[in-house]
């Protein structure tokens, strides 16, 4: 099962959804702001992308919490605690299916990972 963690008002998420739909993929949509991905998914994303790439650096909460100064010195556990508790801090969308995972939307990456 493919899980698509997104936010409806996010343009990047809409691009990713459009791509998945064009591939006729079946997926479960989950609002990332209401139900952040579980720690195991975040940990897998962190292993592939690094801690800093998982944060929604353009988000208001990221700026309000002054995370730009803190992220570089954050441990994996601290980052997981913060991200798993607040979906608005997470870069979106996150798409996961077994061993495959993507964070954000990059057309070339999507073609190589999510195309048949």
Protein backbone atom coordinates (compact mmCIF):
# COMPACT_ATOMS: atom_id res chain seq x y z
CA UNK A 1 0.00 0.00 0.00
CA UNK A 2 1.28 3.44 -0.95
CA UNK A 3 0.80 6.11 1.70
CA UNK A 4 0.64 9.72 0.49
CA UNK A 5 1.21 12.18 3.34
CA UNK A 6 0.21 15.61 2.04
CA UNK A 7 -1.53 18.90 2.75
CA UNK A 8 -4.39 19.90 0.42
CA UNK A 9 -3.38 23.57 0.22
CA UNK A 10 0.20 22.73 -0.79
CA UNK A 11 1.02 23.28 -4.48
CA UNK A 12 3.92 20.81 -4.34
CA UNK A 13 1.58 18.17 -2.95
CA UNK A 14 -0.87 18.81 -5.78
CA UNK A 15 1.93 18.29 -8.33
CA UNK A 16 2.88 14.99 -6.67
CA UNK A 17 -0.77 13.88 -6.57
CA UNK A 18 -1.15 14.73 -10.25
CA UNK A 19 1.92 12.64 -11.06
CA UNK A 20 0.65 9.64 -9.07
CA UNK A 21 -2.75 9.94 -10.72
CA UNK A 22 -1.13 10.09 -14.17
CA UNK A 23 0.55 6.77 -13.34
CA UNK A 24 -2.85 5.38 -12.29
CA UNK A 25 -1.43 4.52 -8.88
CA UNK A 26 -3.65 3.56 -5.99
CA UNK A 27 -2.68 5.24 -2.73
CA UNK A 28 -4.06 6.21 0.64
CA UNK A 29 -4.17 9.96 1.23
CA UNK A 30 -3.30 11.16 4.72
CA UNK A 31 -3.37 14.80 5.82
CA UNK A 32 0.15 15.32 7.17
CA UNK A 33 -1.01 18.20 9.41
CA UNK A 34 -3.60 16.01 11.15
CA UNK A 35 -1.68 12.74 11.18
CA UNK A 36 2.10 13.06 10.77
CA UNK A 37 3.91 10.00 9.46
CA UNK A 38 4.90 7.49 12.15
CA UNK A 39 8.45 7.60 13.51
CA UNK A 40 9.46 4.55 11.47
CA UNK A 41 8.56 6.38 8.22
CA UNK A 42 10.31 9.57 9.36
CA UNK A 43 13.38 7.55 10.35
CA UNK A 44 13.48 5.91 6.89
CA UNK A 45 13.13 9.33 5.24
CA UNK A 46 15.87 10.69 7.48
CA UNK A 47 18.19 7.85 6.46
CA UNK A 48 17.64 8.69 2.77
CA UNK A 49 17.53 12.49 2.92
CA UNK A 50 19.13 13.61 6.19
CA UNK A 51 17.59 15.49 9.10
CA UNK A 52 17.59 18.96 7.57
CA UNK A 53 15.78 17.89 4.38
CA UNK A 54 12.78 16.66 6.39
CA UNK A 55 11.92 20.10 7.72
CA UNK A 56 9.47 22.41 5.95
CA UNK A 57 11.89 25.34 5.98
CA UNK A 58 9.38 27.67 4.31
CA UNK A 59 6.71 27.03 6.94
CA UNK A 60 5.60 29.61 9.48
CA UNK A 61 6.12 27.30 12.47
CA UNK A 62 9.69 26.53 11.35
CA UNK A 63 10.43 30.27 11.39
CA UNK A 64 8.50 30.93 14.62
CA UNK A 65 10.42 28.20 16.46
CA UNK A 66 13.71 29.53 15.00
CA UNK A 67 14.61 26.03 13.88
CA UNK A 68 17.08 27.23 11.24
CA UNK A 69 19.64 27.77 13.99
CA UNK A 70 18.76 24.54 15.81
CA UNK A 71 18.41 21.89 13.08
CA UNK A 72 22.13 21.50 12.38
CA UNK A 73 22.90 20.58 15.99
CA UNK A 74 19.79 18.44 16.53
CA UNK A 75 20.13 14.73 17.21
CA UNK A 76 18.08 12.23 15.25
CA UNK A 77 15.93 11.54 18.33
CA UNK A 78 15.27 15.25 18.89
CA UNK A 79 14.30 15.72 15.25
CA UNK A 80 12.03 12.66 15.28
CA UNK A 81 10.34 13.88 18.46
CA UNK A 82 9.70 17.29 16.95
CA UNK A 83 8.56 16.07 13.52
CA UNK A 84 6.37 13.21 14.73
CA UNK A 85 4.50 15.65 16.96
CA UNK A 86 3.87 18.39 14.40
CA UNK A 87 3.08 17.63 10.75
CA UNK A 88 3.35 21.31 9.81
CA UNK A 89 7.10 21.11 10.39
CA UNK A 90 7.54 18.27 7.88
CA UNK A 91 8.53 18.83 4.26
CA UNK A 92 5.78 17.48 2.08
CA UNK A 93 4.63 15.36 0.51
CA UNK A 94 6.05 12.14 1.86
CA UNK A 95 5.19 9.07 -0.17
CA UNK A 96 6.09 5.64 1.12
CA UNK A 97 5.55 2.10 -0.06
CA UNK A 98 7.62 -0.60 1.60
CA UNK A 99 11.27 0.23 0.90
CA UNK A 100 10.50 3.13 -1.45
CA UNK A 101 10.15 6.66 -0.07
CA UNK A 102 10.27 10.21 -1.40
CA UNK A 103 10.17 13.55 0.36
CA UNK A 104 9.00 16.63 -1.53
CA UNK A 105 8.41 16.57 -5.26
CA UNK A 106 11.11 16.19 -7.87
CA UNK A 107 9.82 15.07 -11.27
CA UNK A 108 12.97 13.11 -12.18
CA UNK A 109 13.08 11.35 -8.82
CA UNK A 110 9.37 10.51 -9.09
CA UNK A 111 9.85 9.07 -12.57
CA UNK A 112 12.65 6.79 -11.39
CA UNK A 113 10.92 5.68 -8.17
CA UNK A 114 7.18 5.80 -8.84
CA UNK A 115 6.88 4.98 -12.55
CA UNK A 116 6.20 1.43 -13.66
